[in-house]
Amino acid sequence: MRDRPTLPSPPPPAEPAADAAFDVWLTRGLHEMFDGIAGEPIPPELLKLIQDDRARADIAPAAGGDGPAAPLATGNDGLEAPRGRAK
């Protein structure tokens, strides 16, 4: 009988410190690239599409849904979403 070839063992798990360092690096990089964009107001045309879709969902809720959708949060002029991010 021939011996079966053995599969290589999986690599050891990454060091927790290395994972944490990568997470910090990735988070900072993503914030640097996208915070400015995320802080911009939603264009009125897109906001209208979202509100129309929610109104349509209120009229005909999907099967198994919990009822009407929550109202869309808007800024002072009613045309932009709140700025900032949750911490």
N, C-alpha and C. Protein backbone atom coordinates (compact mmCIF):
# COMPACT_ATOMS: atom_id res chain seq x y z
N MET A 1 0.82 -1.19 0.00
CA MET A 1 0.00 0.00 0.00
C MET A 1 0.86 1.24 0.00
N ARG A 2 0.39 2.20 -0.76
CA ARG A 2 1.15 3.45 -0.80
C ARG A 2 0.61 4.40 0.26
N ASP A 3 1.50 5.15 0.82
CA ASP A 3 1.08 6.18 1.78
C ASP A 3 0.45 7.33 1.02
N ARG A 4 -0.59 7.82 1.57
CA ARG A 4 -1.22 9.00 0.95
C ARG A 4 -0.35 10.22 1.18
N PRO A 5 -0.28 11.10 0.18
CA PRO A 5 0.48 12.33 0.42
C PRO A 5 -0.24 13.18 1.46
N THR A 6 0.52 13.81 2.29
CA THR A 6 -0.08 14.66 3.32
C THR A 6 -0.24 16.08 2.78
N LEU A 7 -1.32 16.68 3.19
CA LEU A 7 -1.58 18.06 2.79
C LEU A 7 -0.75 18.99 3.67
N PRO A 8 -0.31 20.10 3.13
CA PRO A 8 0.43 21.04 3.97
C PRO A 8 -0.48 21.58 5.06
N SER A 9 0.09 21.84 6.18
CA SER A 9 -0.71 22.37 7.29
C SER A 9 -1.04 23.83 7.00
N PRO A 10 -2.20 24.27 7.49
CA PRO A 10 -2.58 25.67 7.26
C PRO A 10 -1.62 26.61 7.98
N PRO A 11 -1.48 27.83 7.47
CA PRO A 11 -0.58 28.77 8.13
C PRO A 11 -1.13 29.14 9.50
N PRO A 12 -0.26 29.48 10.42
CA PRO A 12 -0.74 29.87 11.75
C PRO A 12 -1.57 31.15 11.65
N PRO A 13 -2.51 31.33 12.57
CA PRO A 13 -3.32 32.55 12.53
C PRO A 13 -2.45 33.80 12.68
N ALA A 14 -2.91 34.88 12.10
CA ALA A 14 -2.16 36.14 12.16
C ALA A 14 -2.11 36.64 13.60
N GLU A 15 -1.08 37.36 13.86
CA GLU A 15 -0.92 37.95 15.18
C GLU A 15 -2.03 38.97 15.43
N PRO A 16 -2.64 38.97 16.61
CA PRO A 16 -3.68 39.97 16.89
C PRO A 16 -3.18 41.40 16.73
N ALA A 17 -1.95 41.66 17.10
CA ALA A 17 -1.41 43.02 16.97
C ALA A 17 -1.31 43.41 15.50
N ALA A 18 -0.95 42.45 14.65
CA ALA A 18 -0.84 42.75 13.23
C ALA A 18 -2.22 43.03 12.65
N ASP A 19 -3.23 42.26 13.08
CA ASP A 19 -4.60 42.51 12.61
C ASP A 19 -5.07 43.88 13.05
N ALA A 20 -4.80 44.24 14.29
CA ALA A 20 -5.24 45.53 14.80
C ALA A 20 -4.53 46.67 14.06
N ALA A 21 -3.25 46.49 13.78
CA ALA A 21 -2.50 47.53 13.06
C ALA A 21 -3.06 47.70 11.66
N PHE A 22 -3.39 46.58 11.00
CA PHE A 22 -3.96 46.65 9.66
C PHE A 22 -5.32 47.34 9.70
N ASP A 23 -6.14 47.00 10.70
CA ASP A 23 -7.46 47.63 10.83
C ASP A 23 -7.34 49.14 11.00
N VAL A 24 -6.40 49.58 11.82
CA VAL A 24 -6.19 51.02 12.03
C VAL A 24 -5.74 51.67 10.73
N TRP A 25 -4.79 51.05 10.03
CA TRP A 25 -4.30 51.59 8.77
C TRP A 25 -5.42 51.69 7.75
N LEU A 26 -6.22 50.64 7.64
CA LEU A 26 -7.32 50.63 6.67
C LEU A 26 -8.36 51.69 7.02
N THR A 27 -8.75 51.77 8.27
CA THR A 27 -9.75 52.75 8.70
C THR A 27 -9.28 54.17 8.41
N ARG A 28 -8.04 54.46 8.76
CA ARG A 28 -7.51 55.81 8.51
C ARG A 28 -7.48 56.12 7.02
N GLY A 29 -7.03 55.15 6.23
CA GLY A 29 -6.95 55.37 4.79
C GLY A 29 -8.32 55.61 4.18
N LEU A 30 -9.30 54.81 4.60
CA LEU A 30 -10.66 54.99 4.07
C LEU A 30 -11.24 56.33 4.48
N HIS A 31 -10.99 56.74 5.71
CA HIS A 31 -11.49 58.05 6.15
C HIS A 31 -10.83 59.18 5.37
N GLU A 32 -9.53 59.07 5.14
CA GLU A 32 -8.84 60.10 4.36
C GLU A 32 -9.43 60.22 2.96
N MET A 33 -9.76 59.07 2.35
CA MET A 33 -10.25 59.09 0.98
C MET A 33 -11.73 59.50 0.88
N PHE A 34 -12.56 59.11 1.85
CA PHE A 34 -14.00 59.23 1.65
C PHE A 34 -14.76 60.13 2.62
N ASP A 35 -14.13 60.66 3.66
CA ASP A 35 -14.86 61.53 4.60
C ASP A 35 -15.41 62.77 3.91
N GLY A 36 -14.65 63.35 3.01
CA GLY A 36 -15.12 64.54 2.31
C GLY A 36 -16.36 64.24 1.48
N ILE A 37 -16.36 63.10 0.83
CA ILE A 37 -17.51 62.73 0.00
C ILE A 37 -18.72 62.40 0.88
N ALA A 38 -18.48 61.67 1.96
CA ALA A 38 -19.58 61.28 2.85
C ALA A 38 -20.23 62.49 3.52
N GLY A 39 -19.48 63.58 3.66
CA GLY A 39 -20.01 64.77 4.29
C GLY A 39 -20.79 65.68 3.35
N GLU A 40 -20.77 65.38 2.05
CA GLU A 40 -21.48 66.21 1.08
C GLU A 40 -22.99 65.97 1.17
N PRO A 41 -23.78 66.98 0.84
CA PRO A 41 -25.24 66.79 0.86
C PRO A 41 -25.67 65.83 -0.25
N ILE A 42 -26.77 65.15 -0.01
CA ILE A 42 -27.33 64.27 -1.03
C ILE A 42 -27.97 65.15 -2.09
N PRO A 43 -27.67 64.91 -3.37
CA PRO A 43 -28.29 65.72 -4.43
C PRO A 43 -29.82 65.62 -4.36
N PRO A 44 -30.52 66.73 -4.62
CA PRO A 44 -31.99 66.73 -4.52
C PRO A 44 -32.65 65.66 -5.39
N GLU A 45 -32.09 65.38 -6.56
CA GLU A 45 -32.69 64.37 -7.44
C GLU A 45 -32.64 62.99 -6.80
N LEU A 46 -31.51 62.66 -6.18
CA LEU A 46 -31.36 61.36 -5.52
C LEU A 46 -32.25 61.29 -4.29
N LEU A 47 -32.31 62.36 -3.54
CA LEU A 47 -33.15 62.39 -2.35
C LEU A 47 -34.62 62.18 -2.73
N LYS A 48 -35.05 62.79 -3.84
CA LYS A 48 -36.43 62.61 -4.29
C LYS A 48 -36.69 61.15 -4.67
N LEU A 49 -35.73 60.51 -5.35
CA LEU A 49 -35.89 59.10 -5.70
C LEU A 49 -36.04 58.24 -4.45
N ILE A 50 -35.23 58.51 -3.44
CA ILE A 50 -35.30 57.75 -2.19
C ILE A 50 -36.65 57.95 -1.51
N GLN A 51 -37.09 59.22 -1.44
CA GLN A 51 -38.37 59.51 -0.79
C GLN A 51 -39.53 58.89 -1.56
N ASP A 52 -39.48 58.95 -2.89
CA ASP A 52 -40.54 58.33 -3.70
C ASP A 52 -40.58 56.82 -3.49
N ASP A 53 -39.42 56.20 -3.42
CA ASP A 53 -39.36 54.76 -3.19
C ASP A 53 -39.92 54.40 -1.83
N ARG A 54 -39.59 55.19 -0.82
CA ARG A 54 -40.14 54.93 0.52
C ARG A 54 -41.65 55.12 0.55
N ALA A 55 -42.14 56.14 -0.17
CA ALA A 55 -43.59 56.36 -0.22
C ALA A 55 -44.27 55.18 -0.90
N ARG A 56 -43.67 54.68 -1.97
CA ARG A 56 -44.22 53.52 -2.66
C ARG A 56 -44.21 52.30 -1.74
N ALA A 57 -43.17 52.14 -0.94
CA ALA A 57 -43.08 51.01 -0.01
C ALA A 57 -44.14 51.13 1.09
N ASP A 58 -44.49 52.36 1.48
CA ASP A 58 -45.53 52.56 2.49
C ASP A 58 -46.89 52.13 1.95
N ILE A 59 -47.12 52.35 0.66
CA ILE A 59 -48.40 52.00 0.05
C ILE A 59 -48.53 50.49 -0.11
N ALA A 60 -47.49 49.84 -0.57
CA ALA A 60 -47.51 48.40 -0.80
C ALA A 60 -46.32 47.76 -0.10
N PRO A 61 -46.43 47.53 1.23
CA PRO A 61 -45.31 46.93 1.93
C PRO A 61 -45.03 45.52 1.41
N ALA A 62 -43.77 45.16 1.41
CA ALA A 62 -43.36 43.83 0.93
C ALA A 62 -43.91 42.76 1.86
N ALA A 63 -44.13 41.61 1.34
CA ALA A 63 -44.63 40.49 2.14
C ALA A 63 -43.66 40.22 3.28
N GLY A 64 -44.20 40.10 4.47
CA GLY A 64 -43.37 39.83 5.63
C GLY A 64 -42.70 41.06 6.19
N GLY A 65 -42.99 42.24 5.67
CA GLY A 65 -42.38 43.47 6.18
C GLY A 65 -42.98 43.88 7.50
N ASP A 66 -42.34 44.82 8.14
CA ASP A 66 -42.81 45.31 9.43
C ASP A 66 -43.68 46.55 9.30
N GLY A 67 -44.16 46.86 8.12
CA GLY A 67 -45.00 48.03 7.94
C GLY A 67 -44.25 49.15 7.26
N PRO A 68 -44.70 50.37 7.45
CA PRO A 68 -44.11 51.52 6.75
C PRO A 68 -42.65 51.72 7.12
N ALA A 69 -41.91 52.25 6.16
CA ALA A 69 -40.51 52.56 6.39
C ALA A 69 -40.41 53.82 7.23
N ALA A 70 -39.31 53.96 7.94
CA ALA A 70 -39.08 55.14 8.76
C ALA A 70 -38.86 56.34 7.83
N PRO A 71 -39.28 57.54 8.25
CA PRO A 71 -39.08 58.72 7.39
C PRO A 71 -37.59 59.00 7.22
N LEU A 72 -37.25 59.57 6.08
CA LEU A 72 -35.87 59.90 5.78
C LEU A 72 -35.49 61.16 6.54
N ALA A 73 -34.40 61.10 7.27
CA ALA A 73 -33.91 62.26 8.02
C ALA A 73 -33.36 63.28 7.04
N THR A 74 -33.76 64.52 7.19
CA THR A 74 -33.28 65.56 6.28
C THR A 74 -32.70 66.71 7.08
N GLY A 75 -31.98 67.57 6.36
CA GLY A 75 -31.39 68.74 6.99
C GLY A 75 -32.42 69.85 7.14
N ASN A 76 -31.97 71.04 7.48
CA ASN A 76 -32.86 72.18 7.72
C ASN A 76 -33.70 72.55 6.50
N ASP A 77 -33.12 72.45 5.31
CA ASP A 77 -33.86 72.84 4.11
C ASP A 77 -34.69 71.69 3.54
N GLY A 78 -34.59 70.51 4.14
CA GLY A 78 -35.36 69.37 3.68
C GLY A 78 -34.77 68.70 2.46
N LEU A 79 -33.58 69.13 2.01
CA LEU A 79 -33.00 68.56 0.80
C LEU A 79 -31.71 67.79 1.04
N GLU A 80 -31.23 67.75 2.25
CA GLU A 80 -29.99 67.03 2.46
C GLU A 80 -30.07 66.15 3.70
N ALA A 81 -29.32 65.07 3.68
CA ALA A 81 -29.27 64.15 4.80
C ALA A 81 -28.35 64.73 5.87
N PRO A 82 -28.46 64.26 7.09
CA PRO A 82 -27.58 64.76 8.15
C PRO A 82 -26.13 64.47 7.82
N ARG A 83 -25.26 65.36 8.26
CA ARG A 83 -23.84 65.20 8.00
C ARG A 83 -23.17 64.55 9.18
N GLY A 84 -21.94 64.09 8.96
CA GLY A 84 -21.17 63.48 10.02
C GLY A 84 -21.38 61.98 10.05
N ARG A 85 -20.71 61.33 10.96
CA ARG A 85 -20.82 59.89 11.08
C ARG A 85 -20.94 59.52 12.54
N ALA A 86 -21.48 58.36 12.79
CA ALA A 86 -21.60 57.88 14.17
C ALA A 86 -20.22 57.48 14.67
N LYS A 87 -19.98 57.73 15.93
CA LYS A 87 -18.68 57.36 16.50
C LYS A 87 -18.84 56.21 17.44
